[in-house]
Protein backbone atom coordinates (compact mmCIF):
# COMPACT_ATOMS: atom_id res chain seq x y z
CA MET A 1 0.00 0.00 0.00
CA ALA A 2 1.35 3.42 -0.98
CA LEU A 3 2.12 5.88 1.78
CA SER A 4 -0.43 8.27 0.26
CA ASP A 5 -3.17 5.71 1.00
CA GLN A 6 -2.43 5.66 4.72
CA TYR A 7 -1.14 9.19 5.23
CA LYS A 8 -2.17 10.66 8.57
CA SER A 9 -2.35 14.39 9.24
CA TYR A 10 -2.09 15.99 12.65
CA ARG A 11 -5.00 14.73 14.76
CA GLY A 12 -7.03 14.02 11.64
CA LEU A 13 -7.07 17.60 10.34
CA PRO A 14 -7.94 17.83 6.63
CA PRO A 15 -4.62 17.72 4.76
CA LEU A 16 -3.48 20.08 2.05
CA ALA A 17 -5.66 23.00 3.19
CA GLY A 18 -8.75 20.91 2.52
CA LEU A 19 -8.19 20.88 -1.23
CA CYS A 20 -8.16 17.11 -1.59
CA SER A 21 -6.88 13.88 -0.08
CA MET A 22 -3.22 12.98 -0.15
CA LYS A 23 -4.04 10.06 -2.45
CA ARG A 24 -5.64 12.38 -4.99
CA ALA A 25 -2.78 14.88 -4.78
CA ALA A 26 -0.25 12.13 -5.51
CA GLN A 27 -1.84 11.42 -8.90
CA PRO A 28 0.16 13.22 -11.63
CA ASN A 29 -2.29 12.80 -14.53
CA TRP A 30 -2.61 16.48 -15.48
CA SER A 31 -0.51 19.20 -17.09
CA LEU A 32 -0.41 22.94 -17.45
CA ASP A 33 -1.16 22.57 -21.16
CA ASP A 34 -4.31 20.61 -20.32
CA SER A 35 -5.61 23.56 -18.31
CA VAL A 36 -4.62 26.18 -20.86
CA THR A 37 -6.22 24.29 -23.75
CA ARG A 38 -9.54 23.81 -21.99
CA LEU A 39 -9.65 27.34 -20.63
CA LYS A 40 -8.96 28.82 -24.05
CA ARG A 41 -11.85 26.90 -25.55
CA LEU A 42 -14.17 28.03 -22.77
CA HIS A 43 -12.91 31.57 -23.28
CA TYR A 44 -13.74 31.46 -26.97
CA VAL A 45 -17.24 30.11 -26.39
CA LEU A 46 -18.20 32.44 -23.54
CA ARG A 47 -16.87 35.51 -25.29
CA ARG A 48 -18.91 34.65 -28.37
CA VAL A 49 -21.99 34.06 -26.21
CA HIS A 50 -21.39 37.44 -24.53
CA GLU A 51 -21.14 39.16 -27.91
CA MET A 52 -24.22 37.44 -29.31
CA MET A 53 -26.36 38.41 -26.33
CA VAL A 54 -25.21 42.03 -26.51
CA ALA A 55 -26.07 42.12 -30.22
CA ARG A 56 -29.64 40.96 -29.50
CA ILE A 57 -30.41 43.60 -26.86
CA PRO A 58 -31.59 46.52 -29.05
CA SER A 59 -34.00 44.64 -31.29
CA GLU A 60 -35.30 42.07 -28.80
CA PRO A 61 -38.83 43.35 -28.15
CA VAL A 62 -39.57 41.32 -25.02
CA TYR A 63 -38.54 43.42 -22.04
CA GLU A 64 -37.72 40.46 -19.78
CA LEU A 65 -35.39 38.96 -22.40
CA LYS A 66 -33.75 42.34 -23.02
CA MET A 67 -32.95 42.51 -19.30
CA ALA A 68 -31.82 38.86 -19.19
CA TYR A 69 -29.42 39.35 -22.10
CA SER A 70 -28.02 42.41 -20.34
CA HIS A 71 -27.42 40.38 -17.17
CA HIS A 72 -26.15 37.18 -18.74
CA SER A 73 -23.84 38.92 -21.20
CA TYR A 74 -22.26 40.64 -18.20
CA LEU A 75 -21.88 37.35 -16.29
CA CYS A 76 -20.25 35.76 -19.33
CA ALA A 77 -17.92 38.77 -19.60
CA GLU A 78 -16.90 38.33 -15.95
CA GLN A 79 -16.09 34.69 -16.62
CA VAL A 80 -14.12 35.56 -19.73
CA ASP A 81 -12.16 37.99 -17.60
CA MET A 82 -11.40 35.32 -14.98
CA ILE A 83 -10.18 32.96 -17.69
CA ARG A 84 -7.97 35.61 -19.24
CA ARG A 85 -6.33 36.32 -15.90
CA ARG A 86 -5.78 32.64 -15.18
CA VAL A 87 -4.36 31.85 -18.62
CA GLY A 88 -2.05 34.85 -18.24
CA GLU A 89 -0.67 33.29 -15.06
CA MET A 90 0.38 30.09 -16.84
CA ARG A 91 3.36 31.09 -18.94
CA GLU A 92 1.20 32.19 -21.86
CA PRO A 93 2.40 35.56 -23.15
CA PRO A 94 1.26 36.17 -25.86
CA LEU A 95 -2.00 34.60 -24.76
CA GLY A 96 -3.41 33.71 -28.17
CA LEU A 97 -6.93 34.13 -26.84
CA ASP A 98 -8.27 35.66 -30.04
CA LYS A 99 -7.61 32.54 -32.12
CA VAL A 100 -10.44 30.20 -33.09
CA PRO A 101 -9.62 26.93 -31.28
CA ASP A 102 -11.77 24.59 -33.37
CA ASP A 103 -13.66 24.92 -36.67
CA ALA A 104 -16.64 22.87 -35.48
CA LEU A 105 -16.86 24.96 -32.33
CA GLN A 106 -16.84 28.07 -34.48
CA LEU A 107 -19.60 26.64 -36.67
CA THR A 108 -21.77 25.88 -33.63
CA LEU A 109 -21.62 29.47 -32.42
CA THR A 110 -21.95 30.98 -35.88
CA GLU A 111 -25.13 28.98 -36.44
CA ILE A 112 -26.62 30.41 -33.25
CA ASP A 113 -25.40 33.90 -34.16
CA HIS A 114 -27.34 33.61 -37.45
CA ALA A 115 -30.53 32.34 -35.79
CA PRO A 116 -33.36 34.40 -37.33
CA ASN A 117 -35.79 34.24 -34.42
CA THR A 118 -35.82 34.42 -30.65
CA ILE A 119 -36.78 30.82 -29.88
CA GLN A 120 -33.96 29.38 -32.00
CA PHE A 121 -31.53 31.73 -30.31
CA LEU A 122 -32.80 30.81 -26.84
CA ILE A 123 -32.52 27.09 -27.54
CA GLY A 124 -29.04 27.48 -28.97
CA ILE A 125 -27.72 29.50 -26.05
CA TYR A 126 -29.68 28.19 -23.07
CA SER A 127 -30.46 24.59 -24.05
CA VAL A 128 -27.24 23.64 -25.84
CA VAL A 129 -24.19 25.86 -25.35
CA ILE A 130 -24.47 27.03 -21.72
CA PRO A 131 -25.35 23.54 -20.36
CA GLU A 132 -22.33 22.17 -22.21
CA CYS A 133 -20.18 24.93 -20.70
CA VAL A 134 -21.40 23.82 -17.26
CA ALA A 135 -20.43 20.22 -18.06
CA ALA A 136 -17.01 21.36 -19.33
CA CYS A 137 -16.39 23.37 -16.15
CA GLN A 138 -17.45 20.45 -13.99
CA ARG A 139 -15.01 18.17 -15.81
CA LEU A 140 -12.27 20.76 -15.44
CA GLY A 141 -12.92 21.11 -11.72
CA GLN A 142 -12.80 17.35 -11.25
CA GLU A 143 -9.89 16.51 -13.55
CA ALA A 144 -7.46 19.39 -12.99
CA HIS A 145 -4.90 18.69 -10.30
CA PRO A 146 -6.54 20.03 -7.12
CA LEU A 147 -3.26 21.20 -5.55
CA ALA A 148 -0.95 22.16 -8.42
CA ASP A 149 -3.79 23.73 -10.37
CA ALA A 150 -5.93 24.96 -7.46
CA PRO A 151 -6.49 28.41 -9.05
CA THR A 152 -8.02 26.80 -12.15
CA VAL A 153 -10.22 24.53 -10.03
CA ARG A 154 -11.50 27.60 -8.21
CA VAL A 155 -12.29 29.38 -11.48
CA ALA A 156 -14.15 26.30 -12.73
CA LYS A 157 -16.25 26.09 -9.54
CA LEU A 158 -17.18 29.76 -9.70
CA MET A 159 -18.17 29.41 -13.34
CA VAL A 160 -20.38 26.40 -12.62
CA PHE A 161 -22.22 28.38 -9.96
CA GLU A 162 -23.12 31.30 -12.22
CA LEU A 163 -23.65 29.29 -15.40
CA THR A 164 -26.07 26.98 -13.60
CA GLU A 165 -28.21 29.98 -12.64
CA ILE A 166 -28.16 31.13 -16.27
CA CYS A 167 -29.30 27.65 -17.35
CA GLN A 168 -32.17 27.72 -14.88
CA TYR A 169 -33.41 31.01 -16.29
CA GLY A 170 -32.96 29.73 -19.84
CA ASP A 171 -34.90 26.52 -19.22
CA THR A 172 -37.84 28.55 -17.94
CA ALA A 173 -37.62 31.05 -20.81
CA VAL A 174 -37.60 28.31 -23.45
CA GLU A 175 -40.53 26.58 -21.76
CA CYS A 176 -42.54 29.82 -21.56
CA LEU A 177 -41.95 30.88 -25.16
CA THR A 178 -42.04 27.56 -27.03
CA ASN A 179 -45.51 26.99 -28.43
CA ASP A 180 -44.84 23.35 -29.30
CA PRO A 181 -41.89 21.64 -27.55
CA GLN A 182 -42.22 18.75 -30.01
CA ASP A 183 -41.95 20.96 -33.07
CA PRO A 184 -39.79 18.87 -35.46
CA LYS A 185 -37.93 21.97 -36.68
CA LEU A 186 -36.85 22.89 -33.15
CA ILE A 187 -35.87 19.29 -32.37
CA ASP A 188 -33.80 19.17 -35.56
CA TRP A 189 -32.23 22.53 -34.72
CA ARG A 190 -31.10 21.32 -31.31
CA SER A 191 -29.82 18.05 -32.82
CA HIS A 192 -27.86 19.98 -35.43
CA LEU A 193 -26.11 22.07 -32.79
CA ASN A 194 -25.33 19.02 -30.69
CA ALA A 195 -23.87 17.33 -33.79
CA CYS A 196 -21.61 20.34 -34.33
CA LEU A 197 -20.39 20.08 -30.73
CA GLU A 198 -19.77 16.35 -31.06
CA VAL A 199 -17.51 16.97 -34.04
CA ALA A 200 -15.66 19.53 -31.90
CA GLY A 201 -15.19 17.02 -29.09
CA MET A 202 -17.63 19.15 -27.04
CA ILE A 203 -16.93 22.60 -25.62
CA ASP A 204 -13.64 21.67 -23.95
CA GLY A 205 -12.36 19.24 -26.57
CA SER A 206 -12.10 16.53 -23.92
CA GLN A 207 -14.35 14.05 -25.71
CA PRO A 208 -13.59 12.05 -28.89
CA SER A 209 -14.63 13.83 -32.06
CA THR A 210 -17.53 11.96 -33.67
CA GLY A 211 -19.53 12.31 -36.87
CA ASP A 212 -18.97 14.26 -40.05
CA PHE A 213 -18.63 18.02 -40.21
CA PRO A 214 -22.25 19.29 -40.53
CA GLN A 215 -23.48 21.53 -43.30
CA SER A 216 -24.45 25.04 -42.32
CA TRP A 217 -28.07 25.27 -41.17
CA HIS A 218 -28.68 28.86 -42.28
CA GLU A 219 -28.29 30.42 -45.69
CA LYS A 220 -27.80 33.81 -44.05
CA GLU A 221 -24.18 34.89 -44.18
CA GLU A 222 -24.21 37.64 -41.55
CA ALA A 223 -24.56 37.58 -37.80
CA PHE A 224 -27.84 38.86 -36.41
CA PHE A 225 -27.72 42.53 -35.43
CA ASP A 226 -30.30 45.27 -35.74
CA LYS A 227 -29.65 48.46 -33.80
CA GLN A 228 -33.21 49.73 -34.27
CA PRO A 229 -34.74 49.38 -30.77
CA GLN A 230 -37.86 47.25 -30.51
CA ARG A 231 -40.38 46.95 -27.66
CA ASP A 232 -43.15 44.44 -26.99
CA GLU A 233 -46.86 45.26 -27.05
CA ARG A 234 -46.88 46.43 -23.41
CA PHE A 235 -44.86 49.49 -24.42
CA ARG A 236 -47.59 51.58 -25.95
CA ASP A 237 -46.95 54.94 -27.58
CA PRO A 238 -43.12 54.67 -27.42
CA TYR A 239 -42.58 57.88 -29.43
CA ASN A 240 -44.43 59.89 -26.78
CA ALA A 241 -42.36 62.83 -25.51
CA GLY A 242 -45.27 64.67 -23.99
CA VAL A 243 -43.91 64.78 -20.44
CA ASN A 244 -40.55 66.19 -19.39
CA PRO A 245 -39.76 64.50 -16.05
CA GLU A 246 -36.53 66.47 -15.57
CA SER A 247 -38.47 69.76 -15.55
CA PHE A 248 -40.78 68.39 -12.86
CA LEU A 249 -37.96 66.87 -10.82
CA TYR A 250 -35.96 70.10 -10.60
CA ASN A 251 -38.94 72.36 -9.93
CA PRO A 252 -38.85 73.46 -6.25
CA GLU A 253 -42.63 73.93 -6.21
CA PHE A 254 -43.34 70.20 -6.16
CA SER A 255 -43.07 67.81 -3.21
CA ALA A 256 -40.41 65.14 -2.86
CA ARG A 257 -42.99 62.36 -2.72
CA ASP A 258 -44.56 63.49 -5.99
CA LYS A 259 -41.11 63.62 -7.55
CA THR A 260 -40.44 59.95 -6.72
CA LEU A 261 -42.97 59.05 -9.42
CA MET A 262 -40.92 60.91 -11.99
CA MET A 263 -37.75 59.22 -10.72
CA TYR A 264 -39.33 55.78 -11.05
CA TYR A 265 -40.30 56.75 -14.59
CA LYS A 266 -36.76 57.93 -15.34
CA ARG A 267 -35.35 54.68 -13.99
CA LEU A 268 -37.69 52.48 -16.05
CA ARG A 269 -37.02 54.59 -19.13
CA GLU A 270 -33.34 53.62 -18.81
CA ILE A 271 -34.16 50.53 -20.87
CA ASP A 272 -32.90 52.67 -23.72
CA VAL A 273 -29.37 52.90 -22.33
CA PRO A 274 -28.58 49.18 -22.80
CA GLU A 275 -30.16 49.43 -26.25
CA MET A 276 -27.80 52.27 -27.16
CA MET A 277 -24.70 50.91 -25.41
CA ALA A 278 -25.13 47.52 -27.07
CA SER A 279 -24.82 49.19 -30.46
CA ILE A 280 -21.56 50.83 -29.37
CA LEU A 281 -20.11 47.50 -28.26
CA VAL A 282 -21.14 45.68 -31.43
CA GLU A 283 -19.86 48.34 -33.80
CA LEU A 284 -16.56 48.80 -31.91
CA ARG A 285 -16.04 45.06 -31.39
CA THR A 286 -12.79 44.94 -33.34
CA GLU A 287 -11.61 48.48 -32.59
CA GLU A 288 -11.36 48.38 -28.81
CA PRO A 289 -9.54 45.95 -26.46
CA TRP A 290 -11.30 43.42 -24.29
CA GLU A 291 -10.95 45.62 -21.20
CA PHE A 292 -13.09 48.30 -22.87
CA HIS A 293 -15.83 45.79 -23.60
CA MET A 294 -15.63 44.34 -20.10
CA GLU A 295 -16.14 47.66 -18.35
CA MET A 296 -18.74 48.95 -20.77
CA CYS A 297 -20.69 45.72 -20.41
CA ARG A 298 -20.70 46.21 -16.65
CA GLN A 299 -22.17 49.67 -17.21
CA LEU A 300 -24.74 48.27 -19.64
CA TRP A 301 -25.88 45.78 -17.00
CA ASP A 302 -26.07 48.52 -14.37
CA GLU A 303 -28.37 50.54 -16.61
CA ALA A 304 -30.60 47.50 -17.09
CA ARG A 305 -30.74 47.13 -13.30
CA HIS A 306 -31.81 50.75 -13.03
CA ALA A 307 -34.67 50.11 -15.45
CA MET A 308 -35.83 47.19 -13.33
CA MET A 309 -35.63 49.40 -10.23
CA GLY A 310 -38.18 51.66 -11.90
CA GLU A 311 -40.37 48.67 -12.71
CA VAL A 312 -40.22 47.50 -9.08
CA GLY A 313 -40.89 51.03 -7.84
CA PHE A 314 -44.14 51.31 -9.77
CA VAL A 315 -45.25 47.81 -8.72
CA ALA A 316 -44.54 48.71 -5.08
CA GLN A 317 -46.70 51.82 -5.54
CA GLY A 318 -49.56 49.72 -6.90
CA ILE A 319 -49.21 51.31 -10.34
CA ASP A 320 -49.45 49.43 -13.63
CA TRP A 321 -46.39 50.72 -15.49
CA THR A 322 -47.74 49.45 -18.82
CA GLU A 323 -50.31 52.26 -18.64
CA ILE A 324 -47.46 54.78 -18.91
CA PRO A 325 -45.87 55.47 -22.31
CA ILE A 326 -42.20 54.50 -21.84
CA ASN A 327 -40.39 56.62 -24.42
CA PHE A 328 -37.68 55.01 -26.55
CA THR A 329 -36.71 57.90 -28.81
CA TRP A 330 -33.37 58.48 -27.02
CA SER A 331 -31.94 55.11 -28.06
CA HIS A 332 -33.81 55.23 -31.38
CA ASN A 333 -32.42 58.64 -32.33
CA LEU A 334 -28.88 58.01 -31.12
CA ASN A 335 -28.67 54.58 -32.79
CA THR A 336 -29.98 55.87 -36.10
CA GLN A 337 -28.45 59.37 -36.24
CA LEU A 338 -24.95 58.97 -34.74
CA ASN A 339 -21.95 56.69 -35.21
CA PRO A 340 -20.66 54.68 -32.22
CA ARG A 341 -17.98 57.22 -31.26
CA GLU A 342 -20.54 60.00 -31.27
CA ARG A 343 -22.94 57.90 -29.18
CA HIS A 344 -20.17 57.29 -26.67
CA GLY A 345 -19.58 61.05 -26.55
CA VAL A 346 -23.23 61.70 -25.71
CA LEU A 347 -23.18 58.99 -23.06
CA PHE A 348 -20.11 60.48 -21.41
CA PHE A 349 -21.44 64.03 -21.55
CA ILE A 350 -24.69 63.03 -19.86
CA GLU A 351 -22.87 60.95 -17.21
CA GLN A 352 -20.65 63.86 -16.26
CA GLY A 353 -23.70 66.08 -15.95
CA LEU A 354 -25.05 63.69 -13.31
CA MET A 355 -22.06 64.16 -11.00
CA PRO A 356 -22.67 67.69 -9.59
CA LYS A 357 -24.97 68.30 -6.63
CA THR A 358 -27.84 68.90 -9.04
CA GLY A 359 -27.45 65.37 -10.43
CA LYS A 360 -27.51 62.01 -8.70
CA ARG A 361 -26.90 63.47 -5.25
CA TYR A 362 -29.99 65.63 -5.70
CA GLU A 363 -32.10 62.62 -6.76
CA TRP A 364 -30.96 60.70 -3.68
CA GLU A 365 -31.75 63.68 -1.44
CA VAL A 366 -35.23 63.95 -2.96
CA ALA A 367 -35.82 60.23 -2.49
CA THR A 368 -34.63 60.40 1.13
CA GLU A 369 -36.91 63.35 1.83
CA SER A 370 -39.89 61.69 0.14
CA GLY A 371 -40.57 59.17 2.89
CA ASP A 372 -40.39 56.34 0.33
CA PRO A 373 -37.61 54.04 1.62
CA LEU A 374 -37.55 52.01 -1.60
CA SER A 375 -36.90 55.12 -3.66
CA ALA A 376 -34.13 56.14 -1.25
CA LEU A 377 -32.55 52.68 -1.53
CA PHE A 378 -32.68 52.65 -5.32
CA GLN A 379 -31.35 56.19 -5.70
CA ASP A 380 -28.51 55.43 -3.29
CA PHE A 381 -27.25 52.63 -5.53
CA ASP A 382 -28.12 54.46 -8.73
CA TRP A 383 -25.87 57.31 -7.58
CA ALA A 384 -23.02 54.93 -6.73
CA ASP A 385 -23.34 53.22 -10.11
CA GLU A 386 -23.22 56.51 -11.99
CA VAL A 387 -20.02 57.52 -10.17
CA LEU A 388 -18.50 54.27 -11.43
CA HIS A 389 -19.78 54.95 -14.96
CA ALA A 390 -18.22 58.42 -14.98
CA GLN A 391 -14.90 56.79 -14.06
CA ILE A 392 -15.29 54.23 -16.85
CA GLY A 393 -15.84 57.10 -19.28
CA ARG A 394 -12.73 58.89 -18.07
CA ARG A 395 -10.70 55.72 -18.65
CA TRP A 396 -12.02 54.85 -22.11
CA TYR A 397 -13.48 57.99 -23.67
CA VAL A 398 -11.47 61.00 -22.46
CA PRO A 399 -8.00 59.72 -23.54
CA ARG A 400 -9.07 60.04 -27.17
CA TYR A 401 -9.07 63.84 -26.74
CA ASN A 402 -6.51 66.43 -25.67
CA SER A 403 -8.36 67.30 -22.47
CA LEU A 404 -11.47 66.64 -20.43
CA LYS A 405 -12.86 69.96 -21.65
CA GLU A 406 -12.43 68.93 -25.27
CA ALA A 407 -14.01 65.52 -24.58
CA MET A 408 -17.01 67.17 -22.93
CA ALA A 409 -17.38 69.68 -25.75
CA TYR A 410 -17.44 66.89 -28.33
CA GLY A 411 -20.13 64.99 -26.42
CA ASP A 412 -22.19 68.15 -26.01
CA ALA A 413 -21.91 68.91 -29.72
CA CYS A 414 -22.97 65.37 -30.66
CA TRP A 415 -25.91 65.56 -28.25
CA SER A 416 -26.97 68.88 -29.77
CA ARG A 417 -26.94 67.36 -33.27
CA VAL A 418 -29.43 64.65 -32.33
CA LEU A 419 -32.77 65.66 -33.80
CA SER A 420 -35.63 65.06 -31.39
CA GLN A 421 -38.12 64.94 -34.30
CA TRP A 422 -40.83 65.86 -31.80
CA GLN A 423 -43.09 67.47 -34.37
CA GLU A 424 -42.20 64.99 -37.12
CA TYR A 425 -43.30 62.02 -35.02
CA ARG A 426 -46.57 63.81 -34.36
CA ASP A 427 -47.09 64.72 -38.01
CA GLN A 428 -46.40 61.11 -39.04
CA GLY A 429 -49.12 59.89 -36.70
CA LEU A 430 -46.66 57.94 -34.51
CA THR A 431 -47.78 59.74 -31.35
CA GLU A 432 -49.97 62.54 -30.07
CA HIS A 433 -47.50 63.25 -27.24
CA GLU A 434 -50.26 62.64 -24.70
CA ASN A 435 -49.69 64.20 -21.27
CA TRP A 436 -49.87 60.99 -19.26
CA TRP A 437 -48.76 62.62 -15.98
CA PRO A 438 -52.19 63.66 -14.57
CA ARG A 439 -53.49 60.09 -14.88
CA LEU A 440 -50.41 58.61 -13.23
CA TYR A 441 -50.39 61.22 -10.46
CA THR A 442 -54.10 60.83 -9.75
CA THR A 443 -53.72 57.05 -9.43
CA ALA A 444 -50.76 57.45 -7.07
CA CYS A 445 -52.60 59.96 -4.87
CA LYS A 446 -55.57 57.60 -4.67
CA ASN A 447 -53.23 54.80 -3.54
CA TRP A 448 -51.63 57.15 -1.00
CA GLY A 449 -55.00 58.33 0.26
CA THR A 450 -54.12 61.99 -0.42
CA THR A 451 -55.55 64.83 -2.48
CA PRO A 452 -53.52 65.75 -5.58
CA ASP A 453 -51.60 69.01 -5.43
CA PRO A 454 -53.32 71.25 -8.04
CA ALA A 455 -50.00 72.68 -9.27
CA ALA A 456 -48.47 69.23 -9.69
CA LEU A 457 -51.61 67.90 -11.35
CA ALA A 458 -51.46 70.75 -13.88
CA PHE A 459 -47.85 70.00 -14.93
CA CYS A 460 -47.67 69.84 -18.72
CA GLU A 461 -44.11 70.57 -19.90
CA THR A 462 -42.91 68.50 -22.85
CA TYR A 463 -39.63 67.69 -24.60
CA GLN A 464 -40.62 69.74 -27.66
CA ASN A 465 -37.88 72.33 -27.20
CA LYS A 466 -35.66 70.82 -24.47
CA ARG A 467 -33.08 68.07 -24.17
CA ALA A 468 -33.22 65.64 -21.27
CA ASP A 469 -30.49 67.71 -19.53
CA LEU A 470 -32.84 70.72 -19.78
CA GLU A 471 -30.77 72.47 -22.44
CA GLN A 472 -32.77 74.23 -25.15
CA LEU A 473 -32.79 72.50 -28.53
């Protein structure tokens, strides 16, 4: 019997910092190259999944999926970042992380990228690729040497935890949105993707390659991307710019509690920030380093969280948010009128304008004064997030200019060039710019058991001649 089989630690304490038994640690069947090869394949897959989800955000009409893509693309980006750091620790400069590791693996992801509809995309991502990533991470955690390669084992365990949660969401989403689970076309689609993976030896390349190289499923030659924002049927009258919440929020005549309604609206309206930021990331995919995409994706996810804060705020107030026109012309106009650099300039300019006392601090102070603890909580974190976003902008936007002043001036100029098309949308019959505020305010006052303030009830300022930062057009 080998000594490792009968090794005794001090008074039975777990040996080797609890990583594994001595017997397991004495098994040498692993190498650094094994780890690097598997991690690089996982890196390739998860980065592609991240990119595909980001590309779907603007034109995905279903709000819940738009938010899910924002979240899951960020989680995938975090995992890509962990892998990059780990590979960089294992004698791998240059890292070679931008190389395609396997043609069949590339085909699998390209097929999903070309999926023409939501249900095919959901099945490809959530029913095929992510579950196989979980299986690959589980194998890596079990097969990598638990002592020599402990950092990789840790990365694999953390990835399994988050990817499993993504799978759980995806299973539910596919079940909710699939009209016929036995649809032969969907069954064939899933089988096709699995066949591609089998030729690749699965995600990590650890399995024997089987079968012939499949023919491409789609005739379409380009990845799916449409930067025109889309909303589902709950978002009625999306061109409506008949209420200017900033004018109400900064008017000292109105009470803090009344202003919380406008802040919940502003938060929910932030759906358009992920829609706009996604277009920046897609169109600058090859022009900016990974670190840019990582930080901008974090910001994109934060903005999606802010939108959901607004949703929760209205629900907590007993208000049906689908009765309020949630305007989408900010993302629509920026995505269709400006290039990605110009959009980034507008984003940075607006972020910097939120930093003074009249910005996010003011919103938090209003929320705190309002007596609505949920609003105070949300504005506290919204403020913190925006400070982070301003820092991200200073790292990735400002260095392109000679000074902060020049960077701000460029963003301001780009913002001023965006045509609001307020009258044009009205003339085209896309909206009447209804003043929805009195109805919302009356409902809220009824829920609060209070009488509406006549001055607040009469509020009727629009965006016709003002930008969202209150500058004249």
